[in-house]
Structure formats: C-alpha cells, structure tokens
Amino acid sequence: MAPSGSPVHDALLGDLLYFSVAAKLFDPAFTAADAVRAQADAVVSNIQTAAGELPSRVNFLGPGNEDFTQYKVRGHYQRNESLQRYFRGMMWLAATIFFCRTRPKRSPPFCSEFTRDGT
C-alpha cells in the first residue's frame, strides 16, 4: 500500500470514493469502505437531494465544480426507483473526464495513460 498522503495513496482513495459513490447510487444497500464512507455518504446525499456543489478544491473528479442540481431525475427516468437509480449512477459515472496523457504513433486509438487533471 502506498504511504498515506502520497500521490498514489490519494489517487487510490479518489478512485475508491468515485466507484463507491457509483455503487451506492446503483445499490442503496452498498456500504463503502471505512476510508471513504463519510465522504461517499455525503456525496450520495447531495446527489439524492440534487442540491449543492462539490467545490473544485475538494473535487476529486478533476478541475471545476460538480453541480449536484444536474442530478435531478427527469424524463422517463422518473417512472420508478430503478430508473432513478440508473439515472443518478450514470450521471455520476459520466461526470468524470479522463484525459489522455500520451498516445504513441501507430497505436490503436487508445491512450497509453489517463489522468483526471488534464496533465
């Protein structure tokens, strides 16, 4: 395990939080790991109420604020609880932009390395 506070450790916690929020949105019975449970529950609460924002200085999704009002369920997704969970979970997963850092010549159209911060 990477030392606490190191860039690798922080990145791993960010990933764990990102996927824990998604899991909790899709399955309310999901329990996040202790290391991110409080943060995950707070983010899920904001998404469920479609209120507030996650400021960029604490936003592990990357640059810019995450506006939770965008998670207000709309359209045919309002029909039942399963569709509402799907809407919120997919909105959350789509909120992250993964930047391509490098792409070697003659490689398939895939990045060789991804980042969240565009560096």
N, C-alpha and C. Protein backbone atom coordinates (compact mmCIF):
# COMPACT_ATOMS: atom_id res chain seq x y z
N MET A 1 0.84 -1.18 0.00
CA MET A 1 0.00 0.00 0.00
C MET A 1 0.88 1.24 0.00
N ALA A 2 0.49 2.23 -0.77
CA ALA A 2 1.24 3.47 -0.85
C ALA A 2 1.16 4.22 0.48
N PRO A 3 2.21 4.95 0.83
CA PRO A 3 2.19 5.70 2.10
C PRO A 3 1.07 6.74 2.11
N SER A 4 0.47 6.91 3.26
CA SER A 4 -0.61 7.88 3.42
C SER A 4 -0.12 9.27 3.03
N GLY A 5 -0.92 9.98 2.24
CA GLY A 5 -0.56 11.32 1.82
C GLY A 5 0.24 11.38 0.54
N SER A 6 0.71 10.23 0.05
CA SER A 6 1.47 10.23 -1.20
C SER A 6 0.50 10.39 -2.37
N PRO A 7 0.98 10.83 -3.51
CA PRO A 7 0.09 10.98 -4.67
C PRO A 7 -0.62 9.69 -5.06
N VAL A 8 0.09 8.57 -4.95
CA VAL A 8 -0.53 7.28 -5.29
C VAL A 8 -1.64 6.95 -4.30
N HIS A 9 -1.38 7.14 -3.03
CA HIS A 9 -2.38 6.87 -1.99
C HIS A 9 -3.62 7.75 -2.21
N ASP A 10 -3.39 9.03 -2.46
CA ASP A 10 -4.50 9.96 -2.69
C ASP A 10 -5.30 9.57 -3.93
N ALA A 11 -4.60 9.16 -4.98
CA ALA A 11 -5.28 8.73 -6.21
C ALA A 11 -6.12 7.48 -5.95
N LEU A 12 -5.57 6.54 -5.18
CA LEU A 12 -6.32 5.33 -4.86
C LEU A 12 -7.57 5.64 -4.04
N LEU A 13 -7.45 6.55 -3.08
CA LEU A 13 -8.62 6.95 -2.30
C LEU A 13 -9.65 7.65 -3.17
N GLY A 14 -9.19 8.48 -4.10
CA GLY A 14 -10.10 9.13 -5.04
C GLY A 14 -10.85 8.12 -5.89
N ASP A 15 -10.13 7.11 -6.38
CA ASP A 15 -10.77 6.05 -7.17
C ASP A 15 -11.78 5.28 -6.34
N LEU A 16 -11.39 4.94 -5.10
CA LEU A 16 -12.28 4.20 -4.22
C LEU A 16 -13.54 5.01 -3.94
N LEU A 17 -13.38 6.29 -3.71
CA LEU A 17 -14.53 7.16 -3.46
C LEU A 17 -15.42 7.26 -4.69
N TYR A 18 -14.81 7.46 -5.85
CA TYR A 18 -15.55 7.59 -7.11
C TYR A 18 -16.43 6.34 -7.35
N PHE A 19 -15.83 5.17 -7.26
CA PHE A 19 -16.58 3.94 -7.52
C PHE A 19 -17.53 3.58 -6.38
N SER A 20 -17.20 3.98 -5.16
CA SER A 20 -18.11 3.74 -4.03
C SER A 20 -19.38 4.56 -4.16
N VAL A 21 -19.25 5.80 -4.60
CA VAL A 21 -20.44 6.64 -4.82
C VAL A 21 -21.32 6.00 -5.90
N ALA A 22 -20.71 5.57 -6.99
CA ALA A 22 -21.49 4.93 -8.06
C ALA A 22 -22.19 3.68 -7.54
N ALA A 23 -21.47 2.84 -6.82
CA ALA A 23 -22.07 1.61 -6.29
C ALA A 23 -23.24 1.91 -5.37
N LYS A 24 -23.09 2.93 -4.53
CA LYS A 24 -24.16 3.30 -3.59
C LYS A 24 -25.37 3.87 -4.34
N LEU A 25 -25.12 4.59 -5.42
CA LEU A 25 -26.24 5.13 -6.21
C LEU A 25 -27.02 4.01 -6.90
N PHE A 26 -26.31 3.00 -7.39
CA PHE A 26 -26.98 1.89 -8.05
C PHE A 26 -27.63 0.94 -7.04
N ASP A 27 -26.99 0.76 -5.89
CA ASP A 27 -27.49 -0.17 -4.88
C ASP A 27 -27.43 0.49 -3.50
N PRO A 28 -28.55 1.00 -3.01
CA PRO A 28 -28.55 1.69 -1.72
C PRO A 28 -28.06 0.84 -0.55
N ALA A 29 -28.04 -0.48 -0.69
CA ALA A 29 -27.56 -1.35 0.38
C ALA A 29 -26.03 -1.43 0.41
N PHE A 30 -25.36 -0.90 -0.61
CA PHE A 30 -23.90 -0.95 -0.66
C PHE A 30 -23.31 -0.14 0.49
N THR A 31 -22.27 -0.68 1.11
CA THR A 31 -21.55 0.03 2.16
C THR A 31 -20.13 0.29 1.69
N ALA A 32 -19.76 1.55 1.66
CA ALA A 32 -18.42 1.93 1.23
C ALA A 32 -17.38 1.54 2.28
N ALA A 33 -16.15 1.43 1.84
CA ALA A 33 -15.04 1.13 2.75
C ALA A 33 -14.91 2.25 3.78
N ASP A 34 -14.43 1.90 4.96
CA ASP A 34 -14.29 2.86 6.05
C ASP A 34 -13.53 4.12 5.64
N ALA A 35 -12.49 3.95 4.81
CA ALA A 35 -11.63 5.07 4.42
C ALA A 35 -12.37 6.18 3.69
N VAL A 36 -13.48 5.84 3.03
CA VAL A 36 -14.20 6.84 2.23
C VAL A 36 -15.69 6.90 2.55
N ARG A 37 -16.14 6.15 3.55
CA ARG A 37 -17.57 6.04 3.82
C ARG A 37 -18.23 7.40 4.08
N ALA A 38 -17.65 8.21 4.93
CA ALA A 38 -18.26 9.50 5.27
C ALA A 38 -18.36 10.41 4.05
N GLN A 39 -17.29 10.45 3.26
CA GLN A 39 -17.31 11.27 2.05
C GLN A 39 -18.31 10.73 1.05
N ALA A 40 -18.33 9.42 0.85
CA ALA A 40 -19.25 8.82 -0.11
C ALA A 40 -20.69 9.09 0.29
N ASP A 41 -21.00 8.92 1.57
CA ASP A 41 -22.36 9.16 2.04
C ASP A 41 -22.76 10.62 1.84
N ALA A 42 -21.83 11.54 2.06
CA ALA A 42 -22.13 12.96 1.87
C ALA A 42 -22.39 13.28 0.41
N VAL A 43 -21.58 12.72 -0.49
CA VAL A 43 -21.78 12.97 -1.92
C VAL A 43 -23.10 12.36 -2.38
N VAL A 44 -23.38 11.14 -1.96
CA VAL A 44 -24.64 10.48 -2.33
C VAL A 44 -25.83 11.29 -1.82
N SER A 45 -25.73 11.81 -0.62
CA SER A 45 -26.81 12.63 -0.07
C SER A 45 -27.05 13.87 -0.93
N ASN A 46 -25.98 14.54 -1.35
CA ASN A 46 -26.13 15.70 -2.23
C ASN A 46 -26.73 15.32 -3.57
N ILE A 47 -26.34 14.18 -4.09
CA ILE A 47 -26.90 13.73 -5.37
C ILE A 47 -28.38 13.40 -5.21
N GLN A 48 -28.73 12.71 -4.14
CA GLN A 48 -30.13 12.32 -3.91
C GLN A 48 -31.04 13.54 -3.78
N THR A 49 -30.54 14.59 -3.13
CA THR A 49 -31.35 15.80 -2.96
C THR A 49 -31.18 16.78 -4.11
N ALA A 50 -30.25 16.48 -5.02
CA ALA A 50 -29.96 17.35 -6.17
C ALA A 50 -29.71 18.78 -5.72
N ALA A 51 -28.85 18.92 -4.71
CA ALA A 51 -28.58 20.25 -4.16
C ALA A 51 -27.11 20.41 -3.84
N GLY A 52 -26.63 21.64 -4.00
CA GLY A 52 -25.26 21.97 -3.64
C GLY A 52 -24.28 21.67 -4.74
N GLU A 53 -23.00 21.83 -4.39
CA GLU A 53 -21.95 21.52 -5.34
C GLU A 53 -20.71 21.08 -4.59
N LEU A 54 -19.86 20.38 -5.29
CA LEU A 54 -18.59 19.94 -4.75
C LEU A 54 -17.54 20.90 -5.30
N PRO A 55 -16.98 21.78 -4.45
CA PRO A 55 -16.02 22.78 -4.95
C PRO A 55 -14.79 22.12 -5.55
N SER A 56 -14.18 22.79 -6.51
CA SER A 56 -13.05 22.21 -7.23
C SER A 56 -11.88 21.90 -6.31
N ARG A 57 -11.68 22.64 -5.23
CA ARG A 57 -10.52 22.38 -4.37
C ARG A 57 -10.63 21.04 -3.64
N VAL A 58 -11.84 20.50 -3.51
CA VAL A 58 -12.01 19.19 -2.90
C VAL A 58 -12.61 18.19 -3.88
N ASN A 59 -12.65 18.59 -5.13
CA ASN A 59 -13.30 17.77 -6.15
C ASN A 59 -12.30 16.80 -6.75
N PHE A 60 -12.42 15.55 -6.37
CA PHE A 60 -11.52 14.52 -6.89
C PHE A 60 -11.87 14.13 -8.32
N LEU A 61 -12.95 14.70 -8.87
CA LEU A 61 -13.34 14.39 -10.25
C LEU A 61 -12.49 15.12 -11.26
N GLY A 62 -11.81 16.16 -10.83
CA GLY A 62 -10.98 16.93 -11.74
C GLY A 62 -11.28 18.41 -11.60
N PRO A 63 -10.81 19.20 -12.55
CA PRO A 63 -10.99 20.65 -12.44
C PRO A 63 -12.46 21.05 -12.55
N GLY A 64 -12.83 22.11 -11.86
CA GLY A 64 -14.20 22.61 -11.92
C GLY A 64 -15.06 22.06 -10.81
N ASN A 65 -16.16 22.74 -10.56
CA ASN A 65 -17.10 22.31 -9.53
C ASN A 65 -18.07 21.28 -10.09
N GLU A 66 -18.51 20.38 -9.23
CA GLU A 66 -19.55 19.42 -9.60
C GLU A 66 -20.88 19.95 -9.08
N ASP A 67 -21.78 20.28 -9.97
CA ASP A 67 -23.08 20.86 -9.64
C ASP A 67 -24.10 19.74 -9.45
N PHE A 68 -24.49 19.51 -8.20
CA PHE A 68 -25.39 18.40 -7.91
C PHE A 68 -26.83 18.64 -8.36
N THR A 69 -27.18 19.87 -8.73
CA THR A 69 -28.54 20.10 -9.23
C THR A 69 -28.75 19.36 -10.56
N GLN A 70 -27.67 19.00 -11.24
CA GLN A 70 -27.79 18.27 -12.51
C GLN A 70 -28.28 16.83 -12.32
N TYR A 71 -28.30 16.38 -11.07
CA TYR A 71 -28.71 15.01 -10.78
C TYR A 71 -30.21 14.89 -10.53
N LYS A 72 -30.95 15.97 -10.73
CA LYS A 72 -32.40 15.90 -10.58
C LYS A 72 -32.95 15.00 -11.68
N VAL A 73 -33.60 13.93 -11.26
CA VAL A 73 -34.11 12.94 -12.21
C VAL A 73 -35.17 13.59 -13.09
N ARG A 74 -35.10 13.31 -14.38
CA ARG A 74 -36.04 13.90 -15.32
C ARG A 74 -36.43 12.89 -16.40
N GLY A 75 -37.47 13.26 -17.12
CA GLY A 75 -37.93 12.43 -18.23
C GLY A 75 -38.45 11.08 -17.77
N HIS A 76 -38.28 10.10 -18.64
CA HIS A 76 -38.82 8.76 -18.35
C HIS A 76 -38.11 8.09 -17.17
N TYR A 77 -36.97 8.64 -16.73
CA TYR A 77 -36.26 8.08 -15.59
C TYR A 77 -37.03 8.28 -14.28
N GLN A 78 -38.05 9.11 -14.30
CA GLN A 78 -38.86 9.34 -13.11
C GLN A 78 -39.87 8.22 -12.87
N ARG A 79 -40.03 7.31 -13.80
CA ARG A 79 -41.09 6.29 -13.73
C ARG A 79 -41.01 5.38 -12.51
N ASN A 80 -39.80 4.97 -12.15
CA ASN A 80 -39.68 4.08 -10.99
C ASN A 80 -38.31 4.23 -10.33
N GLU A 81 -38.17 3.62 -9.18
CA GLU A 81 -36.94 3.75 -8.40
C GLU A 81 -35.72 3.18 -9.13
N SER A 82 -35.88 2.10 -9.85
CA SER A 82 -34.76 1.51 -10.57
C SER A 82 -34.22 2.46 -11.63
N LEU A 83 -35.12 3.10 -12.37
CA LEU A 83 -34.69 4.05 -13.39
C LEU A 83 -34.06 5.29 -12.76
N GLN A 84 -34.58 5.70 -11.62
CA GLN A 84 -33.99 6.85 -10.92
C GLN A 84 -32.57 6.53 -10.46
N ARG A 85 -32.37 5.34 -9.93
CA ARG A 85 -31.02 4.93 -9.51
C ARG A 85 -30.09 4.86 -10.72
N TYR A 86 -30.59 4.31 -11.82
CA TYR A 86 -29.79 4.23 -13.05
C TYR A 86 -29.39 5.63 -13.52
N PHE A 87 -30.33 6.55 -13.55
CA PHE A 87 -30.06 7.91 -14.00
C PHE A 87 -28.97 8.54 -13.15
N ARG A 88 -29.12 8.50 -11.84
CA ARG A 88 -28.15 9.13 -10.96
C ARG A 88 -26.77 8.45 -11.05
N GLY A 89 -26.76 7.14 -11.09
CA GLY A 89 -25.49 6.42 -11.19
C GLY A 89 -24.76 6.71 -12.48
N MET A 90 -25.48 6.73 -13.59
CA MET A 90 -24.83 7.00 -14.87
C MET A 90 -24.40 8.46 -14.98
N MET A 91 -25.18 9.36 -14.42
CA MET A 91 -24.77 10.77 -14.41
C MET A 91 -23.46 10.92 -13.62
N TRP A 92 -23.37 10.23 -12.49
CA TRP A 92 -22.16 10.29 -11.69
C TRP A 92 -20.96 9.74 -12.47
N LEU A 93 -21.14 8.58 -13.07
CA LEU A 93 -20.03 7.97 -13.81
C LEU A 93 -19.61 8.82 -15.00
N ALA A 94 -20.55 9.51 -15.61
CA ALA A 94 -20.24 10.35 -16.77
C ALA A 94 -19.64 11.70 -16.38
N ALA A 95 -19.65 12.02 -15.09
CA ALA A 95 -19.18 13.34 -14.65
C ALA A 95 -17.66 13.47 -14.73
N THR A 96 -16.96 12.37 -14.75
CA THR A 96 -15.50 12.42 -14.76
C THR A 96 -14.97 12.43 -16.18
N ILE A 97 -14.05 13.34 -16.40
CA ILE A 97 -13.36 13.40 -17.69
C ILE A 97 -11.99 12.78 -17.47
N PHE A 98 -11.68 11.78 -18.26
CA PHE A 98 -10.35 11.17 -18.19
C PHE A 98 -9.56 11.67 -19.40
N PHE A 99 -8.50 12.38 -19.13
CA PHE A 99 -7.69 12.96 -20.19
C PHE A 99 -6.64 11.95 -20.64
N CYS A 100 -6.33 11.99 -21.91
CA CYS A 100 -5.29 11.14 -22.47
C CYS A 100 -3.97 11.88 -22.36
N ARG A 101 -3.01 11.29 -21.67
CA ARG A 101 -1.73 11.95 -21.50
C ARG A 101 -0.83 11.74 -22.71
N THR A 102 -0.68 10.53 -23.15
CA THR A 102 0.19 10.26 -24.29
C THR A 102 -0.45 9.22 -25.19
N ARG A 103 -0.07 9.26 -26.44
CA ARG A 103 -0.52 8.25 -27.38
C ARG A 103 0.58 8.02 -28.39
N PRO A 104 1.23 6.87 -28.32
CA PRO A 104 2.33 6.61 -29.25
C PRO A 104 1.83 6.55 -30.69
N LYS A 105 2.74 6.89 -31.62
CA LYS A 105 2.40 6.78 -33.04
C LYS A 105 2.04 5.34 -33.39
N ARG A 106 1.13 5.22 -34.33
CA ARG A 106 0.70 3.91 -34.84
C ARG A 106 0.07 3.02 -33.78
N SER A 107 -0.38 3.60 -32.73
CA SER A 107 -1.07 2.80 -31.72
C SER A 107 -2.56 2.80 -32.03
N PRO A 108 -3.28 1.87 -31.45
CA PRO A 108 -4.73 1.92 -31.62
C PRO A 108 -5.26 3.22 -31.02
N PRO A 109 -6.48 3.58 -31.30
CA PRO A 109 -6.99 4.87 -30.79
C PRO A 109 -7.31 4.82 -29.30
N PHE A 110 -6.33 4.38 -28.54
CA PHE A 110 -6.47 4.34 -27.09
C PHE A 110 -5.31 5.11 -26.48
N CYS A 111 -5.54 5.66 -25.35
CA CYS A 111 -4.48 6.36 -24.63
C CYS A 111 -3.61 5.35 -23.91
N SER A 112 -2.35 5.69 -23.77
CA SER A 112 -1.47 4.81 -23.00
C SER A 112 -1.51 5.16 -21.52
N GLU A 113 -2.02 6.34 -21.20
CA GLU A 113 -2.09 6.75 -19.81
C GLU A 113 -3.23 7.75 -19.65
N PHE A 114 -4.00 7.61 -18.59
CA PHE A 114 -5.12 8.52 -18.34
C PHE A 114 -4.87 9.32 -17.07
N THR A 115 -5.36 10.56 -17.07
CA THR A 115 -5.33 11.38 -15.88
C THR A 115 -6.69 12.05 -15.72
N ARG A 116 -6.97 12.54 -14.54
CA ARG A 116 -8.21 13.27 -14.31
C ARG A 116 -7.99 14.77 -14.37
N ASP A 117 -6.73 15.21 -14.21
CA ASP A 117 -6.49 16.63 -14.10
C ASP A 117 -5.98 17.28 -15.39
N GLY A 118 -5.91 16.52 -16.46
CA GLY A 118 -5.50 17.08 -17.74
C GLY A 118 -4.02 17.30 -17.89
N THR A 119 -3.21 16.76 -16.98
CA THR A 119 -1.76 16.93 -17.11
C THR A 119 -1.14 15.73 -17.77
